[in-house]
Amino acid sequence: MGVLPLLVSLLAVSGAEAQEIGTERTLGLGIQLGSPTGISGKYYFMGPEHAVSAAIATEFIGFADDRLTLYATYLYHPLVLASGTVAELPLFVGIGPQFWTSDLGDDFGDDFDDDAAFGARIPVGFDVNLRELPLQFSGEIAGLLPFLPEIDFSIDLSVAARYYF
């Protein structure tokens, strides 16, 4: 059985209490793994439908080894895919600015050394908000559209875990 069908079957049980994440607990801090990897935060405002996700992270593998990434993304949660006694699974989409550098540790003298880019980050993903603990797990795929120094397109894929205060 795949991970997503297992999550949906666990969440399908009805009769759950109201979720604290996004209402009573609005600030989550944790880690993000994947592309990029680093410290992740999420802040809900105006209820559980609107949030800002931010991170300071780096890249350890792939084309942009050792890149530094900073982003702040507005997220809209238009619907809950599943809700149950264990957790709920809201979908999110978003857009926001991202700044990143490339190949910080590359000392071979090529023209790509210490390049920086600024552009738009467009994520789509889902959260798993646990009912009994103030924990959130998240998975997303984000399109990156740099405007400076040149227009290009790439994709980031990451998962995160956050504790909510």
Foldseek 3Di string as FASTA:
>chain_A
DDPVVVVQVVFAADDADDACDFPVFFKWWWWKDFVWTFIKIKGHDPGNFKIKIWTWTAHCDDDFHGKTKTWIKIKGFPDWPGHHHFWTKTKIKIKTKMKMWGCQPDPPPDPNHGHIFIFMKIKIWIWTQTRPFQKIKIWIKIWTFTPPPHTDIDITTMMIMIGTD
